[in-house]
Amino acid sequence: MRWASLGALLISAGMALGLTACATPPTDPEELAAYEETNDPLEPMNRYFFELNNALDELVLKPFAGWYYIGLPNFAQDGIRNALNNLRTPVVLANDLFQGEIDRAGTTLGRFFVNSTVGLGGLIDVASEIGLEYHDEDFGQTLAVWGSGEGPYLVLPLVGPSNPRDATGKVVDHFLDPITYLAWSYDWIETANFVRAGVDVVDTRARNLKTLDDIKAGAIDYYATIRSLYRQQRNDAIRNGEPSDSISALDYLDAEPQTTEAY
């Protein structure tokens, strides 16, 4: 059980990487340029998994997220998100250090001590009130900072948009989390960790209910739009929010929860 999600991720990533060599680029110069720009040699397979994930989202995840969003007041949702962010501290701290971001590592460590004590175990984000703003880091970003290319675009079953670099990062982050090792020894921690992961997915989806509906309604090709937005969001995260020639269209994702009237 404890290896189920990790195993699925590894199998999916391995299958996609293995099929990469089978893709044949077009010979027409214009088509070849477009092909290289999208960097999606597995597009037929990716679209299949995208549609599968989208169907599961509509049937299962979105309704749960809607109930969560309507049933819990904003302060409760914020408390849950704050606690989840606090639990992620070891992973963020490790990647801050891997990237040589000493100042950001200090902020991450300071946030953990403040929110774990005064913030009642992370439920209240006291650290932000004193200038220690939250930031996220993962090993996919670390690999990018180290110079690794993203590789071809991938859509992984149940996971969603990714690429070989980010898929590898998810696996490494799994082992950077101390809770992973505690779960190996204590069944109740393993169960709690699965609950944590489930709540994280539902909370993130709830915070983007209207945003994703708006993107879907306005997109000519929803798959291509999500592919573009995913890359923009990841590039923005790798730059730590520093400006570039293009502005991420996902800057407003994972913002403050919408009001219940908006849903």
Protein backbone atom coordinates (compact mmCIF):
# COMPACT_ATOMS: atom_id res chain seq x y z
CA MET A 1 0.00 0.00 0.00
CA ARG A 2 2.70 2.46 0.95
CA TRP A 3 4.34 2.02 -2.44
CA ALA A 4 1.15 2.26 -4.51
CA SER A 5 1.27 5.92 -5.47
CA LEU A 6 5.05 5.93 -5.91
CA GLY A 7 4.95 2.77 -7.99
CA ALA A 8 2.24 4.17 -10.24
CA LEU A 9 4.29 7.29 -10.80
CA LEU A 10 7.44 5.35 -11.64
CA ILE A 11 5.62 3.00 -14.01
CA SER A 12 3.89 5.88 -15.78
CA ALA A 13 7.07 7.90 -16.13
CA GLY A 14 9.03 4.88 -17.31
CA MET A 15 6.38 3.94 -19.86
CA ALA A 16 6.28 7.46 -21.24
CA LEU A 17 10.05 7.73 -21.43
CA GLY A 18 10.28 4.37 -23.16
CA LEU A 19 7.80 5.46 -25.81
CA THR A 20 9.65 8.70 -26.49
CA ALA A 21 12.06 6.98 -28.87
CA CYS A 22 9.12 5.76 -31.00
CA ALA A 23 7.93 9.26 -31.89
CA THR A 24 8.76 10.35 -35.44
CA PRO A 25 9.24 14.11 -36.06
CA PRO A 26 7.60 15.56 -39.19
CA THR A 27 9.77 16.33 -42.22
CA ASP A 28 8.08 19.57 -43.28
CA PRO A 29 10.20 22.49 -41.92
CA GLU A 30 7.22 24.46 -40.57
CA GLU A 31 5.62 21.41 -39.01
CA LEU A 32 8.99 20.40 -37.56
CA ALA A 33 9.43 23.84 -35.96
CA ALA A 34 5.97 23.62 -34.38
CA TYR A 35 6.69 20.06 -33.26
CA GLU A 36 9.92 21.10 -31.55
CA GLU A 37 8.29 24.15 -29.95
CA THR A 38 5.51 22.13 -28.31
CA ASN A 39 8.03 19.45 -27.25
CA ASP A 40 5.22 16.93 -27.01
CA PRO A 41 6.28 13.86 -29.01
CA LEU A 42 3.86 11.66 -27.06
CA GLU A 43 0.85 13.88 -27.69
CA PRO A 44 -1.63 11.12 -28.65
CA MET A 45 -0.86 9.16 -25.49
CA ASN A 46 -0.75 12.35 -23.41
CA ARG A 47 -4.16 13.42 -24.72
CA TYR A 48 -5.59 10.01 -23.81
CA PHE A 49 -4.35 10.31 -20.21
CA PHE A 50 -5.43 13.96 -20.13
CA GLU A 51 -8.99 13.00 -21.05
CA LEU A 52 -8.91 10.17 -18.52
CA ASN A 53 -7.70 12.51 -15.78
CA ASN A 54 -10.26 15.13 -16.78
CA ALA A 55 -13.09 12.59 -16.60
CA LEU A 56 -11.97 11.44 -13.14
CA ASP A 57 -11.75 15.06 -12.07
CA GLU A 58 -15.30 15.81 -13.21
CA LEU A 59 -16.71 12.62 -11.68
CA VAL A 60 -14.82 12.49 -8.39
CA LEU A 61 -12.35 15.24 -7.51
CA LYS A 62 -14.33 18.31 -8.53
CA PRO A 63 -17.48 17.30 -6.59
CA PHE A 64 -15.41 16.56 -3.47
CA ALA A 65 -13.61 19.87 -3.88
CA GLY A 66 -16.95 21.66 -4.26
CA TRP A 67 -18.30 20.13 -1.05
CA TYR A 68 -15.08 20.98 0.74
CA TYR A 69 -15.21 24.54 -0.56
CA ILE A 70 -18.85 25.12 0.37
CA GLY A 71 -18.80 23.16 3.63
CA LEU A 72 -15.74 24.74 5.24
CA PRO A 73 -15.41 28.46 5.98
CA ASN A 74 -12.44 30.25 4.49
CA PHE A 75 -10.55 30.43 7.78
CA ALA A 76 -10.78 26.63 8.15
CA GLN A 77 -9.52 26.10 4.60
CA ASP A 78 -6.67 28.52 5.28
CA GLY A 79 -5.80 26.63 8.46
CA ILE A 80 -5.65 23.35 6.57
CA ARG A 81 -3.47 24.86 3.84
CA ASN A 82 -1.18 26.45 6.44
CA ALA A 83 -0.76 23.11 8.22
CA LEU A 84 -0.03 21.30 4.95
CA ASN A 85 2.58 23.92 4.06
CA ASN A 86 4.15 23.53 7.48
CA LEU A 87 4.41 19.75 7.08
CA ARG A 88 6.18 20.29 3.78
CA THR A 89 8.99 22.27 5.45
CA PRO A 90 11.69 19.53 5.31
CA VAL A 91 11.26 19.14 1.54
CA VAL A 92 11.28 22.89 0.90
CA LEU A 93 14.27 23.40 3.22
CA ALA A 94 16.29 20.63 1.56
CA ASN A 95 15.68 22.08 -1.89
CA ASP A 96 16.49 25.61 -0.72
CA LEU A 97 19.87 24.28 0.42
CA PHE A 98 20.41 22.20 -2.73
CA GLN A 99 19.92 25.36 -4.76
CA GLY A 100 22.30 27.39 -2.59
CA GLU A 101 19.48 29.70 -1.46
CA ILE A 102 20.71 30.25 2.08
CA ASP A 103 18.49 33.26 2.77
CA ARG A 104 15.40 31.40 1.59
CA ALA A 105 16.42 28.39 3.67
CA GLY A 106 16.61 30.66 6.71
CA THR A 107 13.12 31.94 5.95
CA THR A 108 11.81 28.39 5.61
CA LEU A 109 13.37 27.33 8.91
CA GLY A 110 12.16 30.47 10.68
CA ARG A 111 8.63 29.93 9.41
CA PHE A 112 8.62 26.38 10.71
CA PHE A 113 9.64 27.33 14.24
CA VAL A 114 7.25 30.29 14.44
CA ASN A 115 4.23 28.54 12.96
CA SER A 116 4.84 25.26 14.80
CA THR A 117 4.81 27.08 18.15
CA VAL A 118 2.93 30.37 18.11
CA GLY A 119 0.97 29.25 15.07
CA LEU A 120 -0.47 26.19 16.85
CA GLY A 121 1.25 23.51 14.83
CA GLY A 122 1.07 25.46 11.61
CA LEU A 123 -2.67 26.11 11.56
CA ILE A 124 -2.09 29.87 11.79
CA ASP A 125 0.44 31.52 9.50
CA VAL A 126 1.96 33.86 12.07
CA ALA A 127 5.28 33.87 10.18
CA SER A 128 3.81 35.75 7.22
CA GLU A 129 2.61 38.46 9.59
CA ILE A 130 6.20 39.13 10.64
CA GLY A 131 7.60 39.13 7.14
CA LEU A 132 8.54 35.47 6.68
CA GLU A 133 6.54 34.77 3.53
CA TYR A 134 5.90 31.22 2.37
CA HIS A 135 7.62 29.90 -0.74
CA ASP A 136 7.61 26.43 -2.24
CA GLU A 137 10.52 24.46 -3.66
CA ASP A 138 10.75 20.96 -5.05
CA PHE A 139 13.46 18.78 -6.53
CA GLY A 140 12.18 19.33 -10.05
CA GLN A 141 13.03 23.02 -9.59
CA THR A 142 16.37 22.03 -8.09
CA LEU A 143 17.22 19.93 -11.14
CA ALA A 144 16.36 22.91 -13.35
CA VAL A 145 18.64 25.17 -11.30
CA TRP A 146 21.39 22.57 -11.71
CA GLY A 147 20.97 22.82 -15.47
CA SER A 148 18.80 19.81 -16.26
CA GLY A 149 16.43 20.17 -19.20
CA GLU A 150 12.76 19.44 -18.71
CA GLY A 151 12.53 16.77 -21.40
CA PRO A 152 9.33 16.01 -23.33
CA TYR A 153 5.96 17.02 -21.97
CA LEU A 154 4.14 14.22 -20.15
CA VAL A 155 0.65 13.71 -18.79
CA LEU A 156 0.79 11.06 -16.08
CA PRO A 157 -2.29 9.08 -15.01
CA LEU A 158 -3.80 10.55 -11.83
CA VAL A 159 -0.81 12.93 -11.53
CA GLY A 160 -1.45 15.25 -14.46
CA PRO A 161 0.93 17.55 -16.39
CA SER A 162 4.60 16.79 -15.88
CA ASN A 163 7.88 16.02 -17.64
CA PRO A 164 10.78 13.64 -16.86
CA ARG A 165 12.54 16.26 -14.74
CA ASP A 166 9.49 17.01 -12.61
CA ALA A 167 8.47 13.34 -12.36
CA THR A 168 11.95 12.52 -11.08
CA GLY A 169 11.66 15.43 -8.67
CA LYS A 170 8.44 14.05 -7.20
CA VAL A 171 10.14 10.74 -6.47
CA VAL A 172 13.12 12.43 -4.80
CA ASP A 173 10.85 14.72 -2.77
CA HIS A 174 9.03 11.62 -1.53
CA PHE A 175 12.28 10.40 0.00
CA LEU A 176 13.24 13.84 1.30
CA ASP A 177 10.14 13.87 3.48
CA PRO A 178 10.87 12.40 6.95
CA ILE A 179 7.25 11.28 7.23
CA THR A 180 7.97 8.74 4.48
CA TYR A 181 10.33 6.86 6.79
CA LEU A 182 8.07 7.15 9.82
CA ALA A 183 5.25 5.66 7.74
CA TRP A 184 7.38 2.57 7.11
CA SER A 185 7.47 1.86 10.84
CA TYR A 186 4.01 2.97 12.00
CA ASP A 187 0.81 1.99 10.23
CA TRP A 188 -1.14 4.89 11.68
CA ILE A 189 1.37 7.37 10.28
CA GLU A 190 1.12 5.69 6.89
CA THR A 191 -2.66 6.08 7.00
CA ALA A 192 -2.35 9.69 8.15
CA ASN A 193 0.08 10.38 5.31
CA PHE A 194 -2.42 9.09 2.75
CA VAL A 195 -5.10 11.29 4.32
CA ARG A 196 -2.70 14.23 4.18
CA ALA A 197 -2.06 13.63 0.47
CA GLY A 198 -5.78 13.34 -0.23
CA VAL A 199 -6.63 16.53 1.64
CA ASP A 200 -3.82 18.34 -0.16
CA VAL A 201 -5.25 17.36 -3.56
CA VAL A 202 -8.82 18.31 -2.60
CA ASP A 203 -7.75 21.62 -1.03
CA THR A 204 -5.68 22.60 -4.09
CA ARG A 205 -8.55 21.70 -6.42
CA ALA A 206 -11.02 23.65 -4.28
CA ARG A 207 -8.88 26.77 -4.49
CA ASN A 208 -8.94 26.58 -8.27
CA LEU A 209 -12.55 25.68 -8.94
CA LYS A 210 -13.58 28.85 -10.73
CA THR A 211 -10.17 29.44 -12.30
CA LEU A 212 -10.08 26.07 -14.05
CA ASP A 213 -13.73 26.40 -15.11
CA ASP A 214 -12.91 29.78 -16.67
CA ILE A 215 -9.83 28.36 -18.45
CA LYS A 216 -11.83 25.43 -19.80
CA ALA A 217 -14.68 27.67 -20.98
CA GLY A 218 -12.32 30.04 -22.78
CA ALA A 219 -9.95 27.48 -24.30
CA ILE A 220 -10.19 26.40 -27.93
CA ASP A 221 -7.98 23.41 -27.10
CA TYR A 222 -8.10 22.74 -23.35
CA TYR A 223 -5.23 20.23 -23.54
CA ALA A 224 -2.90 22.64 -25.34
CA THR A 225 -3.87 25.48 -22.99
CA ILE A 226 -3.06 23.44 -19.88
CA ARG A 227 0.21 22.31 -21.45
CA SER A 228 1.23 25.93 -22.05
CA LEU A 229 0.09 27.12 -18.62
CA TYR A 230 1.89 24.28 -16.85
CA ARG A 231 5.17 25.21 -18.50
CA GLN A 232 4.69 28.89 -17.70
CA GLN A 233 3.92 28.12 -14.06
CA ARG A 234 6.92 25.82 -13.70
CA ASN A 235 9.27 28.31 -15.36
CA ASP A 236 8.00 31.01 -13.02
CA ALA A 237 8.59 28.73 -10.01
CA ILE A 238 12.12 27.93 -11.19
CA ARG A 239 12.88 31.65 -11.44
CA ASN A 240 11.45 32.16 -7.93
CA GLY A 241 9.02 34.68 -9.34
CA GLU A 242 11.63 36.84 -11.00
CA PRO A 243 10.24 38.64 -14.08
CA SER A 244 10.88 37.33 -17.55
CA ASP A 245 9.88 38.18 -21.10
CA SER A 246 6.57 36.35 -20.59
CA ILE A 247 4.10 36.59 -17.73
CA SER A 248 2.73 33.39 -16.28
CA ALA A 249 -0.96 32.97 -16.90
CA LEU A 250 -1.19 30.89 -13.74
CA ASP A 251 0.02 33.59 -11.37
CA TYR A 252 -3.46 33.78 -9.91
CA LEU A 253 -3.76 30.05 -9.24
CA ASP A 254 -3.51 28.90 -5.62
CA ALA A 255 -4.38 32.41 -4.47
CA GLU A 256 -6.78 33.27 -1.68
CA PRO A 257 -9.86 31.02 -1.65
CA GLN A 258 -12.81 32.31 -3.67
CA THR A 259 -15.92 33.34 -1.82
CA THR A 260 -18.75 30.83 -1.75
CA GLU A 261 -20.84 33.12 -3.98
CA ALA A 262 -18.29 32.63 -6.78
CA TYR A 263 -18.84 28.89 -6.99
